[in-house]
Amino acid sequence: MTVTIGVHDSNPTLYYLSRLDIAAEELAAVGETVAFHPYTNGVRTGQLLTDGVIDFGGTGSTPPITAQAAGHDLVYAAVSAPRPDHGALLVTEDAPARTVADLAGGVVHLAIGSWQTHLVAKALDDAGLSYATDIVAERSDADSERRLRAGEIAAWVAQGPRLAAALRAGGLRVLVPTGDVISDRSVFFTRREVAERRPELVAALRRALTRADAWVAAHPREAAAIAADHQGGSVDDWETALRALPWRIEEVDEAFLAEQQEAADIFARVGFVDRPVTVADAVAAHPARS
């Protein structure tokens, strides 16, 4: 069997795993080979799993919830440690907004459907406001930073090297640090049939994730150069972003499931998903052990 791993630029562990020989080594130990399937939008991960295009994928916290809501039978395989410095909600230095409640009625740019939706929705919910009715959420793009600086939008969620570059340039401030609101983990998941019929395969994949993370932690400058060459941006900003990540893989535990359930409940309440989700349903009957 060839195990196909989905890869997109927004999941750093899988991005680097696809550029190393680690997955092939770990899967060979359980009699399998590996292929990588690149795609551009992590929101599609649930559908790609269901369609059999990929066997394993990873995103931020939001896509597995929306995938469950859409009826995809996925199972969580692993999570990263919390990433409190991965991103932040930014405003201009002279903006009147001092709390997230001050954004009411404003336009906020974010990667809709990503972990950034979780961040903004929960921050507003904590302030007694609604993602659905109290802000105008628009999809961020290459022009978001310019529009924020020009006063055309109220706030922007930035992450990774774009966050590092924006803060280095000055003129912006962090209104909501991610770590103050959500844990912002990378989340790795698969189809139920893979998780429950081949737990040794899931364990091998988890070992591969752990080894990929260890490589980046030990080679941040080299990893930064790879990303800058492929995705753009400066090596220095990429290195800043990569050093801000924990590079540690953890088991799916009750604390994580509670975080996801809280997000799922908020999403259902504001209509971001069209039906309630029970996050614990996405747990294997017999989880794999590394």
Protein backbone atom coordinates (compact mmCIF):
# COMPACT_ATOMS: atom_id res chain seq x y z
CA MET A 1 0.00 0.00 0.00
CA THR A 2 1.15 3.52 -0.77
CA VAL A 3 0.15 5.94 1.96
CA THR A 4 -0.65 9.36 0.52
CA ILE A 5 -0.02 12.32 2.81
CA GLY A 6 -1.66 15.63 2.00
CA VAL A 7 0.65 18.64 2.06
CA HIS A 8 -0.15 22.35 1.95
CA ASP A 9 2.01 25.31 2.83
CA SER A 10 0.05 26.26 5.96
CA ASN A 11 0.92 23.10 7.89
CA PRO A 12 4.60 23.44 8.78
CA THR A 13 5.21 19.90 10.04
CA LEU A 14 3.82 18.25 6.91
CA TYR A 15 5.52 20.84 4.71
CA TYR A 16 8.93 19.83 6.02
CA LEU A 17 8.05 16.14 6.25
CA SER A 18 7.45 16.19 2.49
CA ARG A 19 10.98 17.50 1.95
CA LEU A 20 12.74 14.87 4.06
CA ASP A 21 13.15 11.08 3.83
CA ILE A 22 11.65 10.48 7.25
CA ALA A 23 8.15 9.38 6.22
CA ALA A 24 9.54 6.81 3.77
CA GLU A 25 11.76 5.38 6.50
CA GLU A 26 9.01 5.12 9.10
CA LEU A 27 6.46 3.64 6.70
CA ALA A 28 8.93 1.14 5.32
CA ALA A 29 9.15 -0.27 8.84
CA VAL A 30 5.46 -1.23 8.60
CA GLY A 31 5.70 -2.43 5.01
CA GLU A 32 4.37 0.64 3.24
CA THR A 33 5.56 3.29 0.82
CA VAL A 34 4.70 6.98 0.82
CA ALA A 35 3.51 9.60 -1.65
CA PHE A 36 2.77 13.27 -1.04
CA HIS A 37 -0.22 15.06 -2.53
CA PRO A 38 0.18 18.86 -2.63
CA TYR A 39 -2.87 21.10 -2.45
CA THR A 40 -3.40 24.74 -1.62
CA ASN A 41 -6.25 24.96 0.88
CA GLY A 42 -6.32 23.02 4.15
CA VAL A 43 -10.09 23.48 4.37
CA ARG A 44 -10.36 20.75 1.69
CA THR A 45 -8.60 18.13 3.83
CA GLY A 46 -11.75 16.36 5.05
CA GLN A 47 -13.12 15.99 1.54
CA LEU A 48 -9.79 14.74 0.20
CA LEU A 49 -9.70 12.09 2.93
CA THR A 50 -13.26 10.97 2.24
CA ASP A 51 -12.60 10.82 -1.51
CA GLY A 52 -9.48 8.70 -0.94
CA VAL A 53 -7.21 11.25 -2.57
CA ILE A 54 -5.13 11.37 0.62
CA ASP A 55 -4.88 9.04 3.60
CA PHE A 56 -3.51 11.49 6.16
CA GLY A 57 -3.56 15.25 6.51
CA GLY A 58 -3.03 18.14 8.86
CA THR A 59 -4.47 21.61 9.40
CA GLY A 60 -5.20 24.05 12.16
CA SER A 61 -8.09 23.63 14.58
CA THR A 62 -11.02 24.71 12.40
CA PRO A 63 -10.99 22.41 9.31
CA PRO A 64 -11.58 19.14 11.19
CA ILE A 65 -14.61 20.68 12.87
CA THR A 66 -16.09 21.90 9.62
CA ALA A 67 -15.27 18.52 8.05
CA GLN A 68 -17.19 16.71 10.79
CA ALA A 69 -20.10 19.10 10.32
CA ALA A 70 -20.06 18.23 6.61
CA GLY A 71 -20.36 14.54 7.45
CA HIS A 72 -16.78 13.38 6.92
CA ASP A 73 -15.89 10.44 9.20
CA LEU A 74 -12.45 11.50 10.32
CA VAL A 75 -10.31 10.51 13.30
CA TYR A 76 -7.76 12.67 15.10
CA ALA A 77 -4.30 11.10 15.03
CA ALA A 78 -2.05 13.65 16.77
CA VAL A 79 -1.72 17.32 17.63
CA SER A 80 1.12 19.74 18.03
CA ALA A 81 1.92 21.45 21.28
CA PRO A 82 0.16 24.82 21.65
CA ARG A 83 1.49 27.57 19.35
CA PRO A 84 0.79 30.81 21.26
CA ASP A 85 3.07 32.94 19.06
CA HIS A 86 2.05 31.50 15.69
CA GLY A 87 -0.21 34.43 14.83
CA ALA A 88 -1.99 37.49 16.18
CA LEU A 89 -4.85 39.87 15.49
CA LEU A 90 -3.27 43.18 14.47
CA VAL A 91 -4.46 46.78 14.36
CA THR A 92 -2.58 49.98 13.60
CA GLU A 93 -0.64 51.64 16.40
CA ASP A 94 -3.00 54.61 16.43
CA ALA A 95 -6.22 52.61 16.09
CA PRO A 96 -8.83 53.42 18.74
CA ALA A 97 -9.48 49.71 19.34
CA ARG A 98 -8.06 48.60 22.70
CA THR A 99 -10.01 45.36 23.06
CA VAL A 100 -11.63 42.99 20.60
CA ALA A 101 -15.02 44.45 21.57
CA ASP A 102 -13.91 47.71 19.96
CA LEU A 103 -13.91 45.98 16.56
CA ALA A 104 -17.72 45.79 16.55
CA GLY A 105 -19.00 46.90 13.17
CA GLY A 106 -15.55 46.74 11.59
CA VAL A 107 -14.05 44.67 8.80
CA VAL A 108 -11.60 41.99 9.89
CA HIS A 109 -9.37 40.18 7.42
CA LEU A 110 -8.55 36.56 8.21
CA ALA A 111 -8.04 33.20 6.54
CA ILE A 112 -11.68 32.13 6.76
CA GLY A 113 -12.04 28.45 7.60
CA SER A 114 -8.58 28.19 9.14
CA TRP A 115 -7.52 28.33 12.79
CA GLN A 116 -7.88 32.11 12.43
CA THR A 117 -11.67 31.72 12.39
CA HIS A 118 -11.40 29.89 15.72
CA LEU A 119 -9.29 32.73 17.12
CA VAL A 120 -11.60 35.55 16.03
CA ALA A 121 -14.85 33.72 16.83
CA LYS A 122 -13.72 32.78 20.34
CA ALA A 123 -12.22 36.21 21.09
CA LEU A 124 -15.53 37.82 20.14
CA ASP A 125 -17.52 35.20 22.03
CA ASP A 126 -15.45 35.83 25.16
CA ALA A 127 -16.33 39.52 24.80
CA GLY A 128 -20.04 38.79 24.45
CA LEU A 129 -20.06 39.45 20.71
CA SER A 130 -20.82 37.29 17.68
CA TYR A 131 -18.59 36.44 14.73
CA ALA A 132 -21.76 36.28 12.62
CA THR A 133 -23.26 39.67 13.42
CA ASP A 134 -20.78 41.98 15.15
CA ILE A 135 -17.96 42.14 12.61
CA VAL A 136 -17.62 41.79 8.85
CA ALA A 137 -15.25 38.86 8.27
CA GLU A 138 -13.46 39.01 4.92
CA ARG A 139 -10.91 36.63 3.46
CA SER A 140 -7.39 37.94 3.82
CA ASP A 141 -5.09 38.23 0.82
CA ALA A 142 -1.78 39.72 -0.23
CA ASP A 143 -3.26 43.23 0.14
CA SER A 144 -4.48 42.85 3.74
CA GLU A 145 -1.48 44.49 5.40
CA ARG A 146 -1.61 47.50 3.07
CA ARG A 147 -5.35 47.89 3.63
CA LEU A 148 -4.89 47.75 7.39
CA ARG A 149 -2.18 50.39 7.33
CA ALA A 150 -4.36 52.57 5.07
CA GLY A 151 -7.27 52.35 7.50
CA GLU A 152 -9.48 50.48 5.03
CA ILE A 153 -10.06 47.59 7.43
CA ALA A 154 -10.18 47.46 11.22
CA ALA A 155 -7.95 44.46 11.90
CA TRP A 156 -6.01 41.64 10.28
CA VAL A 157 -4.95 38.21 11.53
CA ALA A 158 -1.36 37.60 10.47
CA GLN A 159 0.76 34.52 10.99
CA GLY A 160 4.19 33.13 10.37
CA PRO A 161 6.65 35.20 8.33
CA ARG A 162 4.00 37.77 7.39
CA LEU A 163 3.44 38.47 11.08
CA ALA A 164 7.18 38.73 11.67
CA ALA A 165 7.61 41.09 8.72
CA ALA A 166 4.62 43.27 9.69
CA LEU A 167 5.81 43.73 13.26
CA ARG A 168 9.38 44.36 12.16
CA ALA A 169 8.17 47.14 9.84
CA GLY A 170 6.47 48.93 12.74
CA GLY A 171 3.24 50.89 12.80
CA LEU A 172 1.12 47.94 13.93
CA ARG A 173 0.32 46.48 17.31
CA VAL A 174 -1.06 43.21 18.59
CA LEU A 175 -4.66 43.60 19.73
CA VAL A 176 -5.23 39.92 20.49
CA PRO A 177 -2.29 37.54 21.00
CA THR A 178 -3.33 34.07 19.88
CA GLY A 179 -2.12 32.40 23.06
CA ASP A 180 -4.46 34.55 25.15
CA VAL A 181 -7.50 33.05 23.42
CA ILE A 182 -6.82 29.62 21.91
CA SER A 183 -4.03 27.06 22.04
CA ASP A 184 -3.74 27.07 18.21
CA ARG A 185 -2.44 23.57 17.61
CA SER A 186 -1.61 21.84 14.38
CA VAL A 187 -4.08 18.97 14.10
CA PHE A 188 -3.44 15.73 12.19
CA PHE A 189 -6.23 13.39 11.14
CA THR A 190 -7.14 10.49 8.89
CA ARG A 191 -10.12 8.41 7.75
CA ARG A 192 -11.70 6.18 10.37
CA GLU A 193 -10.95 3.02 8.40
CA VAL A 194 -7.22 3.88 8.38
CA ALA A 195 -7.15 4.75 12.08
CA GLU A 196 -9.05 1.69 13.27
CA ARG A 197 -7.79 -0.97 10.84
CA ARG A 198 -4.17 0.15 10.72
CA PRO A 199 -3.21 1.61 14.11
CA GLU A 200 0.43 0.63 13.49
CA LEU A 201 0.35 2.83 10.38
CA VAL A 202 -0.94 5.80 12.36
CA ALA A 203 1.76 5.21 14.97
CA ALA A 204 4.41 5.21 12.22
CA LEU A 205 3.06 8.47 10.84
CA ARG A 206 3.12 10.02 14.29
CA ARG A 207 6.77 9.00 14.68
CA ALA A 208 7.47 10.63 11.31
CA LEU A 209 5.81 13.88 12.43
CA THR A 210 7.89 13.87 15.60
CA ARG A 211 11.11 13.35 13.68
CA ALA A 212 10.26 16.08 11.16
CA ASP A 213 9.61 18.52 13.99
CA ALA A 214 12.91 17.58 15.62
CA TRP A 215 14.74 18.26 12.35
CA VAL A 216 13.28 21.75 12.02
CA ALA A 217 14.00 22.54 15.67
CA ALA A 218 17.63 21.56 15.10
CA HIS A 219 17.97 23.32 11.70
CA PRO A 220 15.82 26.49 11.84
CA ARG A 221 18.00 28.51 9.46
CA GLU A 222 18.10 25.74 6.86
CA ALA A 223 14.36 25.21 7.21
CA ALA A 224 13.79 28.95 6.84
CA ALA A 225 15.82 29.04 3.63
CA ILE A 226 13.75 26.17 2.17
CA ALA A 227 10.47 27.97 2.90
CA ALA A 228 11.69 31.37 1.70
CA ASP A 229 12.91 29.87 -1.58
CA HIS A 230 9.61 28.08 -2.17
CA GLN A 231 7.00 30.37 -0.62
CA GLY A 232 8.65 33.77 -0.71
CA GLY A 233 9.51 36.16 2.09
CA SER A 234 12.85 36.69 3.76
CA VAL A 235 14.92 33.97 5.39
CA ASP A 236 15.15 36.11 8.54
CA ASP A 237 11.36 36.46 8.84
CA TRP A 238 10.89 32.75 8.23
CA GLU A 239 13.46 31.91 10.88
CA THR A 240 11.69 34.21 13.35
CA ALA A 241 8.39 32.48 12.58
CA LEU A 242 9.82 28.96 12.80
CA ARG A 243 11.57 29.65 16.10
CA ALA A 244 8.21 30.79 17.53
CA LEU A 245 6.71 27.31 17.02
CA PRO A 246 7.04 24.54 19.63
CA TRP A 247 8.01 21.68 17.26
CA ARG A 248 6.55 19.00 19.50
CA ILE A 249 3.90 16.39 18.70
CA GLU A 250 1.47 15.32 21.41
CA GLU A 251 -1.26 12.75 21.91
CA VAL A 252 -4.92 13.61 21.40
CA ASP A 253 -6.13 14.11 24.97
CA GLU A 254 -9.20 15.28 26.85
CA ALA A 255 -7.92 18.85 27.10
CA PHE A 256 -7.55 19.10 23.32
CA LEU A 257 -10.98 17.56 22.73
CA ALA A 258 -12.50 20.08 25.14
CA GLU A 259 -10.85 22.95 23.24
CA GLN A 260 -12.23 21.62 19.97
CA GLN A 261 -15.70 21.11 21.42
CA GLU A 262 -15.78 24.68 22.68
CA ALA A 263 -14.87 25.87 19.18
CA ALA A 264 -17.47 23.60 17.59
CA ASP A 265 -20.15 24.94 19.88
CA ILE A 266 -19.27 28.54 19.03
CA PHE A 267 -19.28 27.75 15.31
CA ALA A 268 -22.71 26.16 15.56
CA ARG A 269 -24.06 29.07 17.57
CA VAL A 270 -22.95 31.68 15.02
CA GLY A 271 -23.87 29.60 11.98
CA PHE A 272 -20.33 28.97 10.75
CA VAL A 273 -21.30 25.28 10.66
CA ASP A 274 -24.86 24.27 9.91
CA ARG A 275 -25.22 21.56 12.55
CA PRO A 276 -23.80 20.77 16.00
CA VAL A 277 -20.66 18.65 16.13
CA THR A 278 -19.63 16.15 18.79
CA VAL A 279 -15.85 16.31 18.62
CA ALA A 280 -15.38 13.10 20.63
CA ASP A 281 -16.92 11.19 17.71
CA ALA A 282 -13.65 11.78 15.86
CA VAL A 283 -11.66 9.55 18.20
CA ALA A 284 -10.59 6.04 17.22
CA ALA A 285 -12.12 3.15 19.15
CA HIS A 286 -8.60 1.81 19.73
CA PRO A 287 -6.13 4.69 19.36
CA ALA A 288 -2.68 3.93 18.01
CA ARG A 289 0.25 4.03 20.39
CA SER A 290 3.69 5.09 19.24
